[in-house]
Amino acid sequence: MKKYKIFGSKYQLSKKLGYAEVPAIPGMFHAEILDNSDGRWKRCAFLSRHTYDECVKDADKYINTSYK
């Protein structure tokens, strides 16, 4: 079984700036594709896209096609 998690891109600032996280500009969205075929959830793919909708569409396509 595979599933995915979508999140927006961020930058982590330096130690001098307290390791704060700030949104990336221009924004990107990432899909982490997870697989548990051996009983543990492990990352099997990582996609980056410019829009949220495009990221969801490609993640669904990855899971529901011959990539299984």
C-alpha atoms as a PDB file:
ATOM      1  CA  MET A   1       0.000   0.000   0.000  1.00  0.00           C
ATOM      2  CA  LYS A   2       1.223   3.489  -0.812  1.00  0.00           C
ATOM      3  CA  LYS A   3       0.185   6.900   0.434  1.00  0.00           C
ATOM      4  CA  TYR A   4       1.505  10.430   0.149  1.00  0.00           C
ATOM      5  CA  LYS A   5       1.947  13.568   2.214  1.00  0.00           C
ATOM      6  CA  ILE A   6       1.965  17.050   0.660  1.00  0.00           C
ATOM      7  CA  PHE A   7       3.785  19.970   2.248  1.00  0.00           C
ATOM      8  CA  GLY A   8       4.964  23.428   1.265  1.00  0.00           C
ATOM      9  CA  SER A   9       8.625  24.196   0.852  1.00  0.00           C
ATOM     10  CA  LYS A  10      10.484  26.045   3.614  1.00  0.00           C
ATOM     11  CA  TYR A  11      13.976  27.204   4.331  1.00  0.00           C
ATOM     12  CA  GLN A  12      15.635  26.671   7.674  1.00  0.00           C
ATOM     13  CA  LEU A  13      17.690  29.665   8.736  1.00  0.00           C
ATOM     14  CA  SER A  14      21.179  29.437  10.189  1.00  0.00           C
ATOM     15  CA  LYS A  15      22.105  28.790  13.793  1.00  0.00           C
ATOM     16  CA  LYS A  16      22.867  32.503  14.152  1.00  0.00           C
ATOM     17  CA  LEU A  17      19.214  33.235  13.283  1.00  0.00           C
ATOM     18  CA  GLY A  18      17.839  30.597  15.641  1.00  0.00           C
ATOM     19  CA  TYR A  19      17.115  27.857  13.079  1.00  0.00           C
ATOM     20  CA  ALA A  20      13.733  29.460  12.312  1.00  0.00           C
ATOM     21  CA  GLU A  21      11.807  28.111   9.314  1.00  0.00           C
ATOM     22  CA  VAL A  22      10.439  30.522   6.714  1.00  0.00           C
ATOM     23  CA  PRO A  23       8.338  29.831   3.604  1.00  0.00           C
ATOM     24  CA  ALA A  24      10.218  29.543   0.336  1.00  0.00           C
ATOM     25  CA  ILE A  25       9.631  32.257  -2.248  1.00  0.00           C
ATOM     26  CA  PRO A  26       8.640  31.381  -4.889  1.00  0.00           C
ATOM     27  CA  GLY A  27       6.601  28.660  -3.218  1.00  0.00           C
ATOM     28  CA  MET A  28       6.936  25.018  -4.167  1.00  0.00           C
ATOM     29  CA  PHE A  29       5.030  21.983  -2.982  1.00  0.00           C
ATOM     30  CA  HIS A  30       6.520  18.586  -2.236  1.00  0.00           C
ATOM     31  CA  ALA A  31       4.900  15.157  -2.164  1.00  0.00           C
ATOM     32  CA  GLU A  32       6.528  12.459  -0.105  1.00  0.00           C
ATOM     33  CA  ILE A  33       5.371   9.060  -1.400  1.00  0.00           C
ATOM     34  CA  LEU A  34       5.408   6.374   1.292  1.00  0.00           C
ATOM     35  CA  ASP A  35       5.224   2.587   0.866  1.00  0.00           C
ATOM     36  CA  ASN A  36       4.630  -0.089   3.507  1.00  0.00           C
ATOM     37  CA  SER A  37       5.045  -3.239   1.406  1.00  0.00           C
ATOM     38  CA  ASP A  38       7.434  -4.666   4.025  1.00  0.00           C
ATOM     39  CA  GLY A  39       5.355  -3.592   7.054  1.00  0.00           C
ATOM     40  CA  ARG A  40       7.121  -0.280   7.709  1.00  0.00           C
ATOM     41  CA  TRP A  41       6.383   3.069   6.095  1.00  0.00           C
ATOM     42  CA  LYS A  42       9.404   4.132   4.034  1.00  0.00           C
ATOM     43  CA  ARG A  43       9.854   6.913   1.494  1.00  0.00           C
ATOM     44  CA  CYS A  44       9.920   5.509  -2.018  1.00  0.00           C
ATOM     45  CA  ALA A  45       9.614   8.760  -4.004  1.00  0.00           C
ATOM     46  CA  PHE A  46       9.766  12.526  -3.580  1.00  0.00           C
ATOM     47  CA  LEU A  47       8.123  14.936  -6.047  1.00  0.00           C
ATOM     48  CA  SER A  48       8.359  18.742  -6.291  1.00  0.00           C
ATOM     49  CA  ARG A  49       5.833  20.845  -8.194  1.00  0.00           C
ATOM     50  CA  HIS A  50       4.978  24.548  -8.509  1.00  0.00           C
ATOM     51  CA  THR A  51       1.296  24.303  -7.502  1.00  0.00           C
ATOM     52  CA  TYR A  52      -0.575  22.317  -4.867  1.00  0.00           C
ATOM     53  CA  ASP A  53      -3.053  20.912  -7.405  1.00  0.00           C
ATOM     54  CA  GLU A  54      -0.272  19.772  -9.721  1.00  0.00           C
ATOM     55  CA  CYS A  55       1.497  18.097  -6.789  1.00  0.00           C
ATOM     56  CA  VAL A  56      -1.654  16.216  -5.710  1.00  0.00           C
ATOM     57  CA  LYS A  57      -2.405  15.161  -9.307  1.00  0.00           C
ATOM     58  CA  ASP A  58       1.086  13.763  -9.861  1.00  0.00           C
ATOM     59  CA  ALA A  59       1.169  12.019  -6.461  1.00  0.00           C
ATOM     60  CA  ASP A  60      -2.191  10.341  -7.206  1.00  0.00           C
ATOM     61  CA  LYS A  61      -0.919   9.362 -10.652  1.00  0.00           C
ATOM     62  CA  TYR A  62       2.250   7.886  -9.121  1.00  0.00           C
ATOM     63  CA  ILE A  63       0.280   5.771  -6.644  1.00  0.00           C
ATOM     64  CA  ASN A  64      -2.495   4.638  -9.008  1.00  0.00           C
ATOM     65  CA  THR A  65      -0.448   3.599 -12.050  1.00  0.00           C
ATOM     66  CA  SER A  66       2.109   0.969 -12.889  1.00  0.00           C
ATOM     67  CA  TYR A  67       4.637   2.382 -10.392  1.00  0.00           C
ATOM     68  CA  LYS A  68       3.315  -0.083  -7.764  1.00  0.00           C
END
